Amino acid sequence: MKKGEWLVIGLEGRELHLFTIAEAIRQAQEIAKKYPPPEGQSVVDDFIAERRWEAALEEAEAAGDEEAIARLRAEAARE
């Protein structure tokens, strides 16, 4: 750790842990390796599709379009 460097604070049980950003990323990558996506499934594609759905819902809510809101929520319920 260096002076002025950003840190991540984590609580594990009753212990407080400090990590550098690089160490926190390394630990997250180690955890993620344990859960690979099913063969042929793209996590990135899934994330983009979810974000597009969220954006469409936000737009429908901002416009007060109850029909679109209901349709989008029904789509999410089916998945």
Protein backbone atom coordinates (compact mmCIF):
# COMPACT_ATOMS: atom_id res chain seq x y z
CA MET A 1 0.00 0.00 0.00
CA LYS A 2 1.15 3.48 -0.80
CA LYS A 3 0.21 6.83 0.68
CA GLY A 4 -2.78 8.29 -1.15
CA GLU A 5 -3.74 4.97 -2.74
CA TRP A 6 -7.43 4.03 -2.78
CA LEU A 7 -8.40 1.09 -0.60
CA VAL A 8 -11.30 -1.31 -0.35
CA ILE A 9 -12.65 -2.09 3.11
CA GLY A 10 -14.23 -5.47 3.71
CA LEU A 11 -15.87 -7.01 6.75
CA GLU A 12 -15.48 -10.76 7.29
CA GLY A 13 -17.24 -11.91 10.41
CA ARG A 14 -15.98 -9.53 13.08
CA GLU A 15 -12.76 -8.67 11.22
CA LEU A 16 -12.13 -5.56 9.14
CA HIS A 17 -9.88 -6.09 6.09
CA LEU A 18 -8.17 -3.42 3.95
CA PHE A 19 -7.20 -4.19 0.37
CA THR A 20 -5.67 -2.25 -2.47
CA ILE A 21 -7.89 -1.97 -5.54
CA ALA A 22 -5.58 -4.35 -7.40
CA GLU A 23 -5.83 -6.95 -4.63
CA ALA A 24 -9.62 -6.63 -4.45
CA ILE A 25 -9.83 -7.20 -8.22
CA ARG A 26 -7.49 -10.20 -7.97
CA GLN A 27 -9.65 -11.73 -5.23
CA ALA A 28 -12.85 -11.11 -7.19
CA GLN A 29 -11.31 -12.79 -10.25
CA GLU A 30 -10.33 -15.81 -8.16
CA ILE A 31 -13.90 -16.14 -6.89
CA ALA A 32 -15.36 -15.70 -10.40
CA LYS A 33 -13.12 -18.49 -11.78
CA LYS A 34 -15.02 -20.96 -9.58
CA TYR A 35 -18.27 -20.21 -11.43
CA PRO A 36 -17.68 -20.41 -15.19
CA PRO A 37 -20.69 -19.78 -17.44
CA PRO A 38 -22.29 -22.78 -19.14
CA GLU A 39 -20.71 -23.80 -22.44
CA GLY A 40 -21.65 -21.40 -25.24
CA GLN A 41 -23.15 -18.78 -22.91
CA SER A 42 -21.65 -15.30 -22.93
CA VAL A 43 -21.71 -13.45 -19.64
CA VAL A 44 -21.08 -10.21 -21.52
CA ASP A 45 -24.05 -10.78 -23.82
CA ASP A 46 -26.24 -11.56 -20.81
CA PHE A 47 -25.08 -8.38 -19.07
CA ILE A 48 -25.74 -6.22 -22.15
CA ALA A 49 -29.22 -7.72 -22.61
CA GLU A 50 -30.04 -7.09 -18.95
CA ARG A 51 -28.80 -3.52 -19.14
CA ARG A 52 -30.87 -2.88 -22.29
CA TRP A 53 -33.95 -4.22 -20.51
CA GLU A 54 -33.25 -1.96 -17.51
CA ALA A 55 -32.83 1.06 -19.80
CA ALA A 56 -36.10 0.29 -21.60
CA LEU A 57 -37.88 0.00 -18.24
CA GLU A 58 -36.38 3.30 -17.06
CA GLU A 59 -37.54 5.02 -20.26
CA ALA A 60 -41.04 3.55 -19.97
CA GLU A 61 -41.27 4.64 -16.33
CA ALA A 62 -40.05 8.15 -17.17
CA ALA A 63 -42.65 8.39 -19.94
CA GLY A 64 -45.39 6.96 -17.72
CA ASP A 65 -46.05 4.22 -20.30
CA GLU A 66 -47.87 1.68 -18.12
CA GLU A 67 -48.39 -0.70 -21.04
CA ALA A 68 -44.65 -0.89 -21.78
CA ILE A 69 -43.84 -1.22 -18.09
CA ALA A 70 -46.23 -4.16 -17.74
CA ARG A 71 -44.83 -5.81 -20.89
CA LEU A 72 -41.22 -5.44 -19.73
CA ARG A 73 -42.01 -6.79 -16.26
CA ALA A 74 -43.87 -9.74 -17.80
CA GLU A 75 -40.83 -10.49 -19.97
CA ALA A 76 -38.59 -10.48 -16.88
CA ALA A 77 -40.97 -12.77 -14.99
CA ARG A 78 -40.81 -15.37 -17.80
CA GLU A 79 -37.02 -15.55 -17.62
